[in-house]
Amino acid sequence: MTTNLRFPVPPCAAPDAPSPFTATGEPLRWGVVATGSIARKVTEDLAQLEDAVLQAVSSRIEERARAFADTYGFVTAHYDDDGARGFERLAQDPDVDVVYVATPHGQHYEVCKALLSAGKHVLCEKALTVNAHEAEELIALAQAKGVFLMEAVWTRFLPSVNRAFDIIHSGELGDIRWVQADLGFPAVYDPEARLWDPLAGGGALLDLTVYPSTWALGSLGFPTSVSAEGTLNNDGVDTQNALTLTYASGAQAQLSSSLIASGPCQATVAGTLGWLRTSAPLHNPRELYVQPHGGEARVEKFEQAGNGYSYELRETTRCIQEGLLESPTMPLQHTLDTMRMLDGVRAQLGVRYANDDR
């Protein structure tokens, strides 16, 4: 695994940056695959970008595609019809430049492969895929086609999170020795819901663990070893997991994710000279609490543009406008290394997905 300890700060998250809604170049024509809750939240922010054109949306069902297009002002609605699926029709739409993919994890590989093969730039919800093998294939395809690809880990682009990593890497906290981070809530069990469906890549690991792990990887880099424990339900879905990441320096990180318990949903980063803690939720903190050892504590507060997804949308837009094939802040190698780490965790937990047999 790589050991890079620094997440580069995207221009849109800099303290003196203009609003992420402000144009940075020529307009891009956007497509959106899926019409669920996350697609709606992201599209609300996308609609406010000055250089974004809402061009096309796709869904399996015609009524959903048309309703979504009407609500947000998309020019075209694609849906399953005459043997072709909606995302396949969107992939072949010549008026679409870049596509945001908001389907469940288990569908990411198939959808992204169709889009990348058609020469579309892609911003895909986390996790990019359900395993490292699929991620490797998509990354290779994007590079072969010369198009942009990024995993949509929106937390990486928030001003509050980037400020936290500025503090962590400034030396103010000294040498970082341990990280604790958790994210959990009691989700109502529904075997057909995305969170609980093994075919969709359901479970706490792919849906939640990316957020606690962001604090460990951003503070300490990738570990030398990972120890994992967890609980699986009768469907083979992990309902809860606890990871311990160990580093050559002796530092450790304890990460927990749960679909069956409510937690504080905070991250703490502790060093030899002090500690930092986020407000809840750790994936979108509005406050940072900084306590120097033996010194005076302080609280730093942050405002947010829109729903908070505007920062990753701005980074995607800027990168494409500048001809970049990946984001310096969310590089493809980091996504791949993360998927490899999670594959190792799944092996310890005994979690398998249908796509593993692909």
Protein backbone atom coordinates (compact mmCIF):
# COMPACT_ATOMS: atom_id res chain seq x y z
CA MET A 1 0.00 0.00 0.00
CA THR A 2 1.01 3.61 -0.47
CA THR A 3 1.99 5.64 2.59
CA ASN A 4 1.16 9.17 1.46
CA LEU A 5 0.20 11.12 4.58
CA ARG A 6 -1.24 14.22 2.95
CA PHE A 7 -4.54 14.80 1.21
CA PRO A 8 -3.89 17.76 -1.14
CA VAL A 9 -6.30 20.63 -0.54
CA PRO A 10 -8.57 21.26 -3.55
CA PRO A 11 -8.71 24.91 -4.65
CA CYS A 12 -12.43 25.11 -3.82
CA ALA A 13 -11.68 24.30 -0.13
CA ALA A 14 -8.99 26.95 0.36
CA PRO A 15 -9.84 29.63 2.96
CA ASP A 16 -9.89 32.43 0.37
CA ALA A 17 -11.62 30.41 -2.37
CA PRO A 18 -14.68 31.81 -4.14
CA SER A 19 -17.99 30.00 -3.82
CA PRO A 20 -17.78 26.49 -5.31
CA PHE A 21 -20.79 27.43 -7.41
CA THR A 22 -18.67 30.02 -9.29
CA ALA A 23 -17.70 28.99 -12.83
CA THR A 24 -14.11 27.92 -13.49
CA GLY A 25 -14.34 27.43 -17.25
CA GLU A 26 -16.54 26.38 -20.14
CA PRO A 27 -19.88 24.75 -19.20
CA LEU A 28 -20.11 20.97 -18.94
CA ARG A 29 -23.25 19.02 -19.82
CA TRP A 30 -24.10 16.65 -16.97
CA GLY A 31 -25.92 13.37 -16.83
CA VAL A 32 -27.14 11.65 -13.66
CA VAL A 33 -27.72 7.91 -13.31
CA ALA A 34 -30.40 7.00 -10.73
CA THR A 35 -33.06 9.11 -9.05
CA GLY A 36 -32.84 8.19 -5.35
CA SER A 37 -32.23 10.37 -2.32
CA ILE A 38 -28.49 10.89 -2.83
CA ALA A 39 -29.05 11.73 -6.50
CA ARG A 40 -31.56 14.36 -5.46
CA LYS A 41 -29.27 15.97 -2.88
CA VAL A 42 -26.29 16.09 -5.25
CA THR A 43 -28.41 17.39 -8.14
CA GLU A 44 -29.67 20.24 -5.96
CA ASP A 45 -26.07 21.41 -5.64
CA LEU A 46 -25.22 20.61 -9.25
CA ALA A 47 -28.06 22.84 -10.42
CA GLN A 48 -26.37 25.81 -8.70
CA LEU A 49 -23.03 25.47 -10.50
CA GLU A 50 -22.74 28.35 -12.94
CA ASP A 51 -20.94 26.18 -15.51
CA ALA A 52 -23.14 23.08 -15.25
CA VAL A 53 -25.87 22.19 -17.73
CA LEU A 54 -28.41 19.62 -16.53
CA GLN A 55 -28.56 17.59 -19.71
CA ALA A 56 -29.87 14.07 -19.03
CA VAL A 57 -31.03 11.70 -16.29
CA SER A 58 -31.61 7.97 -16.44
CA SER A 59 -33.71 5.53 -14.44
CA ARG A 60 -35.04 2.04 -14.99
CA ILE A 61 -38.60 3.37 -14.82
CA GLU A 62 -39.92 5.97 -17.27
CA GLU A 63 -42.13 7.77 -14.72
CA ARG A 64 -39.21 8.25 -12.33
CA ALA A 65 -36.88 9.50 -15.03
CA ARG A 66 -39.42 11.99 -16.36
CA ALA A 67 -40.40 13.21 -12.89
CA PHE A 68 -36.75 13.76 -11.93
CA ALA A 69 -36.08 15.60 -15.20
CA ASP A 70 -39.12 17.81 -14.69
CA THR A 71 -38.24 18.58 -11.06
CA TYR A 72 -34.66 19.67 -11.73
CA GLY A 73 -34.86 20.86 -15.33
CA PHE A 74 -32.94 18.15 -17.21
CA VAL A 75 -33.28 18.32 -20.98
CA THR A 76 -33.62 14.56 -21.55
CA ALA A 77 -34.94 11.59 -19.58
CA HIS A 78 -33.63 8.11 -20.40
CA TYR A 79 -35.20 4.87 -19.15
CA ASP A 80 -35.35 1.15 -19.82
CA ASP A 81 -37.18 0.51 -23.10
CA ASP A 82 -37.00 -1.70 -26.19
CA GLY A 83 -34.27 -3.93 -24.76
CA ALA A 84 -31.94 -1.06 -23.80
CA ARG A 85 -31.38 0.16 -20.26
CA GLY A 86 -31.61 3.77 -19.25
CA PHE A 87 -27.95 4.15 -18.33
CA GLU A 88 -26.96 2.57 -21.66
CA ARG A 89 -29.06 5.15 -23.49
CA LEU A 90 -27.47 7.92 -21.44
CA ALA A 91 -24.01 6.55 -22.23
CA GLN A 92 -24.76 6.93 -25.93
CA ASP A 93 -26.27 10.41 -25.58
CA PRO A 94 -23.94 12.68 -27.62
CA ASP A 95 -25.01 15.75 -25.64
CA VAL A 96 -23.63 14.48 -22.30
CA ASP A 97 -20.04 15.26 -21.24
CA VAL A 98 -19.83 13.97 -17.67
CA VAL A 99 -22.00 11.66 -15.59
CA TYR A 100 -22.67 11.39 -11.88
CA VAL A 101 -23.48 7.79 -10.87
CA ALA A 102 -25.72 7.33 -7.82
CA THR A 103 -26.78 3.69 -8.11
CA PRO A 104 -26.15 1.14 -5.31
CA HIS A 105 -22.56 -0.11 -5.00
CA GLY A 106 -23.25 -3.43 -6.70
CA GLN A 107 -24.23 -1.66 -9.93
CA HIS A 108 -21.31 0.77 -10.11
CA TYR A 109 -19.02 -1.45 -12.15
CA GLU A 110 -21.54 -2.20 -14.89
CA VAL A 111 -22.81 1.36 -15.15
CA CYS A 112 -19.38 3.01 -15.06
CA LYS A 113 -17.99 0.55 -17.58
CA ALA A 114 -20.73 1.49 -20.06
CA LEU A 115 -20.16 5.20 -19.50
CA LEU A 116 -16.38 5.07 -19.71
CA SER A 117 -16.51 2.86 -22.79
CA ALA A 118 -18.66 5.52 -24.45
CA GLY A 119 -16.08 8.20 -23.64
CA LYS A 120 -17.95 9.90 -20.79
CA HIS A 121 -16.20 11.45 -17.81
CA VAL A 122 -17.47 9.85 -14.59
CA LEU A 123 -17.98 10.90 -10.98
CA CYS A 124 -19.15 7.76 -9.14
CA GLU A 125 -20.52 7.52 -5.63
CA LYS A 126 -18.42 5.75 -3.04
CA ALA A 127 -17.54 2.97 -2.92
CA LEU A 128 -16.32 3.11 -6.52
CA THR A 129 -16.85 -0.65 -6.79
CA VAL A 130 -17.42 -3.57 -4.41
CA ASN A 131 -13.90 -4.98 -4.79
CA ALA A 132 -10.42 -4.05 -5.94
CA HIS A 133 -10.61 -6.16 -9.11
CA GLU A 134 -13.52 -4.11 -10.43
CA ALA A 135 -11.78 -0.88 -9.46
CA GLU A 136 -8.64 -1.90 -11.32
CA GLU A 137 -10.65 -2.58 -14.48
CA LEU A 138 -12.50 0.75 -14.37
CA ILE A 139 -9.31 2.70 -13.73
CA ALA A 140 -7.55 0.98 -16.63
CA LEU A 141 -10.54 1.62 -18.90
CA ALA A 142 -10.72 5.32 -17.98
CA GLN A 143 -7.02 5.74 -18.68
CA ALA A 144 -7.29 3.87 -21.98
CA LYS A 145 -10.19 6.08 -23.06
CA GLY A 146 -8.52 9.25 -21.83
CA VAL A 147 -11.45 10.32 -19.64
CA PHE A 148 -11.77 11.58 -16.08
CA LEU A 149 -12.81 9.21 -13.28
CA MET A 150 -13.24 9.96 -9.58
CA GLU A 151 -14.80 8.28 -6.58
CA ALA A 152 -17.23 10.70 -4.95
CA VAL A 153 -15.97 10.82 -1.37
CA TRP A 154 -17.45 14.24 -0.71
CA THR A 155 -15.89 14.54 2.75
CA ARG A 156 -12.44 14.87 1.18
CA PHE A 157 -13.41 18.21 -0.36
CA LEU A 158 -15.11 19.95 2.56
CA PRO A 159 -13.36 23.09 3.92
CA SER A 160 -13.74 21.87 7.53
CA VAL A 161 -12.05 18.55 6.80
CA ASN A 162 -9.25 20.14 4.83
CA ARG A 163 -8.69 22.60 7.66
CA ALA A 164 -8.48 19.68 10.10
CA PHE A 165 -5.77 18.02 8.03
CA ASP A 166 -3.93 21.34 7.80
CA ILE A 167 -3.82 21.39 11.60
CA ILE A 168 -2.87 17.72 11.85
CA HIS A 169 0.04 18.06 9.42
CA SER A 170 1.20 21.47 10.65
CA GLY A 171 2.90 19.90 13.67
CA GLU A 172 0.63 21.68 16.14
CA LEU A 173 -0.54 18.33 17.55
CA GLY A 174 2.96 16.83 17.44
CA ASP A 175 3.43 13.28 16.18
CA ILE A 176 0.08 11.60 15.64
CA ARG A 177 -0.13 8.47 17.79
CA TRP A 178 -3.75 7.35 17.53
CA VAL A 179 -7.04 8.03 15.78
CA GLN A 180 -10.53 7.04 16.85
CA ALA A 181 -13.52 7.45 14.56
CA ASP A 182 -17.02 6.01 14.45
CA LEU A 183 -20.18 6.23 12.39
CA GLY A 184 -23.35 4.40 13.26
CA PHE A 185 -27.12 4.58 13.31
CA PRO A 186 -29.90 2.01 13.82
CA ALA A 187 -31.19 1.37 10.30
CA VAL A 188 -34.59 -0.31 9.99
CA TYR A 189 -34.09 -3.76 8.49
CA ASP A 190 -35.53 -4.16 4.99
CA PRO A 191 -34.04 -6.97 2.90
CA GLU A 192 -34.93 -5.08 -0.29
CA ALA A 193 -33.34 -1.80 0.80
CA ARG A 194 -29.87 -0.87 -0.48
CA LEU A 195 -28.26 -0.94 2.96
CA TRP A 196 -29.36 -4.53 3.62
CA ASP A 197 -29.23 -6.09 0.16
CA PRO A 198 -26.09 -8.22 -0.41
CA LEU A 199 -26.56 -7.95 -4.19
CA ALA A 200 -26.33 -4.16 -3.84
CA GLY A 201 -23.15 -4.37 -1.76
CA GLY A 202 -25.13 -3.61 1.37
CA GLY A 203 -23.64 -3.49 4.86
CA ALA A 204 -21.80 -1.10 7.14
CA LEU A 205 -18.40 -1.60 5.50
CA LEU A 206 -18.92 -0.15 2.02
CA ASP A 207 -21.55 2.36 3.03
CA LEU A 208 -20.11 3.80 6.24
CA THR A 209 -16.50 2.81 6.86
CA VAL A 210 -15.16 5.15 4.18
CA TYR A 211 -15.85 8.05 6.56
CA PRO A 212 -14.04 6.85 9.69
CA SER A 213 -11.21 5.56 7.48
CA THR A 214 -10.83 9.00 5.89
CA TRP A 215 -9.65 10.33 9.25
CA ALA A 216 -7.17 7.50 9.77
CA LEU A 217 -5.75 7.54 6.26
CA GLY A 218 -5.60 11.33 6.13
CA SER A 219 -3.78 11.50 9.45
CA LEU A 220 -1.50 8.46 9.31
CA GLY A 221 -1.60 7.13 5.76
CA PHE A 222 -2.20 3.47 4.89
CA PRO A 223 -1.42 0.96 7.65
CA THR A 224 1.01 -1.93 7.72
CA SER A 225 -1.72 -4.23 9.04
CA VAL A 226 -5.46 -4.28 9.68
CA SER A 227 -7.34 -6.39 12.20
CA ALA A 228 -11.11 -6.65 11.76
CA GLU A 229 -14.02 -8.00 13.78
CA GLY A 230 -17.69 -7.75 12.90
CA THR A 231 -21.20 -9.11 13.03
CA LEU A 232 -23.05 -10.55 10.03
CA ASN A 233 -26.80 -11.12 9.76
CA ASN A 234 -28.46 -14.16 8.22
CA ASP A 235 -28.13 -12.61 4.74
CA GLY A 236 -24.34 -12.34 5.10
CA VAL A 237 -24.48 -8.55 5.42
CA ASP A 238 -22.14 -6.94 7.95
CA THR A 239 -24.28 -5.06 10.43
CA GLN A 240 -21.34 -3.77 12.46
CA ASN A 241 -17.56 -3.79 12.22
CA ALA A 242 -14.54 -2.68 14.22
CA LEU A 243 -11.15 -2.18 12.61
CA THR A 244 -7.74 -1.65 14.18
CA LEU A 245 -5.14 -0.16 11.87
CA THR A 246 -1.51 -0.53 12.95
CA TYR A 247 1.46 1.46 11.65
CA ALA A 248 5.20 0.87 11.56
CA SER A 249 5.63 3.91 13.82
CA GLY A 250 3.56 2.21 16.51
CA ALA A 251 0.57 4.49 15.88
CA GLN A 252 -2.89 2.95 15.79
CA ALA A 253 -6.38 3.80 14.61
CA GLN A 254 -9.62 2.32 15.90
CA LEU A 255 -12.55 2.62 13.50
CA SER A 256 -16.12 1.43 13.99
CA SER A 257 -19.19 1.41 11.77
CA SER A 258 -22.67 0.18 12.62
CA LEU A 259 -26.14 -0.21 11.14
CA ILE A 260 -27.56 -1.42 14.46
CA ALA A 261 -26.37 1.17 17.01
CA SER A 262 -26.27 4.92 17.36
CA GLY A 263 -22.85 6.37 18.14
CA PRO A 264 -21.32 9.82 18.69
CA CYS A 265 -20.21 9.88 15.02
CA GLN A 266 -17.05 11.85 15.75
CA ALA A 267 -13.36 11.57 14.98
CA THR A 268 -10.49 12.22 17.41
CA VAL A 269 -6.89 12.62 16.29
CA ALA A 270 -4.36 12.53 19.13
CA GLY A 271 -0.71 13.55 19.02
CA THR A 272 2.19 14.09 21.37
CA LEU A 273 1.37 17.82 21.70
CA GLY A 274 -2.42 17.82 21.68
CA TRP A 275 -5.60 16.51 20.12
CA LEU A 276 -8.34 17.46 17.66
CA ARG A 277 -11.94 16.32 17.67
CA THR A 278 -14.70 16.88 15.12
CA SER A 279 -18.29 17.74 15.83
CA ALA A 280 -20.88 15.24 14.66
CA PRO A 281 -21.21 13.97 12.06
CA LEU A 282 -17.57 13.26 11.28
CA HIS A 283 -18.26 13.13 7.51
CA ASN A 284 -19.50 16.73 7.52
CA PRO A 285 -18.32 18.52 10.67
CA ARG A 286 -19.23 22.16 11.18
CA GLU A 287 -16.90 22.57 14.17
CA LEU A 288 -13.39 21.45 15.09
CA TYR A 289 -12.25 21.32 18.73
CA VAL A 290 -8.50 21.73 19.17
CA GLN A 291 -6.80 21.14 22.52
CA PRO A 292 -3.04 21.74 22.78
CA HIS A 293 -1.51 19.77 25.66
CA GLY A 294 -1.42 22.12 28.63
CA GLY A 295 -2.66 24.99 26.48
CA GLU A 296 -5.88 26.83 25.73
CA ALA A 297 -8.56 25.02 23.76
CA ARG A 298 -10.25 26.60 20.76
CA VAL A 299 -13.22 25.93 18.50
CA GLU A 300 -13.14 26.62 14.75
CA LYS A 301 -16.51 26.93 12.99
CA PHE A 302 -17.35 26.53 9.31
CA GLU A 303 -20.08 27.49 6.87
CA GLN A 304 -21.12 25.26 4.01
CA ALA A 305 -22.23 25.95 0.44
CA GLY A 306 -25.47 24.17 -0.41
CA ASN A 307 -25.78 20.56 0.71
CA GLY A 308 -21.99 20.19 0.82
CA TYR A 309 -21.61 18.25 -2.43
CA SER A 310 -20.74 21.39 -4.39
CA TYR A 311 -17.05 21.05 -3.46
CA GLU A 312 -16.58 17.63 -5.07
CA LEU A 313 -18.66 18.80 -8.05
CA ARG A 314 -16.45 21.85 -8.43
CA GLU A 315 -13.31 19.72 -8.26
CA THR A 316 -14.68 17.34 -10.91
CA THR A 317 -15.62 20.25 -13.14
CA ARG A 318 -12.29 22.02 -12.71
CA CYS A 319 -10.29 18.88 -13.43
CA ILE A 320 -12.21 18.14 -16.62
CA GLN A 321 -11.95 21.75 -17.78
CA GLU A 322 -8.19 21.58 -17.26
CA GLY A 323 -7.84 18.27 -19.06
CA LEU A 324 -6.94 16.22 -15.97
CA LEU A 325 -7.85 12.52 -15.90
CA GLU A 326 -7.98 12.30 -12.09
CA SER A 327 -8.20 14.57 -9.08
CA PRO A 328 -5.01 15.35 -7.12
CA THR A 329 -7.17 15.36 -3.99
CA MET A 330 -8.90 12.03 -4.68
CA PRO A 331 -6.35 10.14 -6.83
CA LEU A 332 -7.30 6.82 -8.36
CA GLN A 333 -4.40 5.04 -6.64
CA HIS A 334 -5.85 6.01 -3.29
CA THR A 335 -9.23 4.61 -4.29
CA LEU A 336 -7.59 1.38 -5.41
CA ASP A 337 -5.49 1.07 -2.24
CA THR A 338 -8.62 1.62 -0.16
CA MET A 339 -10.52 -1.09 -2.04
CA ARG A 340 -7.61 -3.48 -1.50
CA MET A 341 -7.66 -2.71 2.21
CA LEU A 342 -11.42 -3.31 2.36
CA ASP A 343 -11.04 -6.59 0.46
CA GLY A 344 -8.72 -7.71 3.24
CA VAL A 345 -11.23 -6.62 5.86
CA ARG A 346 -14.02 -8.54 4.12
CA ALA A 347 -11.89 -11.66 4.11
CA GLN A 348 -11.56 -11.39 7.88
CA LEU A 349 -15.27 -10.71 8.37
CA GLY A 350 -16.41 -13.42 5.98
CA VAL A 351 -18.33 -11.04 3.72
CA ARG A 352 -18.72 -11.92 0.04
CA TYR A 353 -20.51 -10.13 -2.77
CA ALA A 354 -21.97 -11.62 -5.93
CA ASN A 355 -19.56 -9.49 -7.97
CA ASP A 356 -16.62 -11.29 -6.38
CA ASP A 357 -17.38 -14.20 -8.70
CA ARG A 358 -17.33 -12.05 -11.83
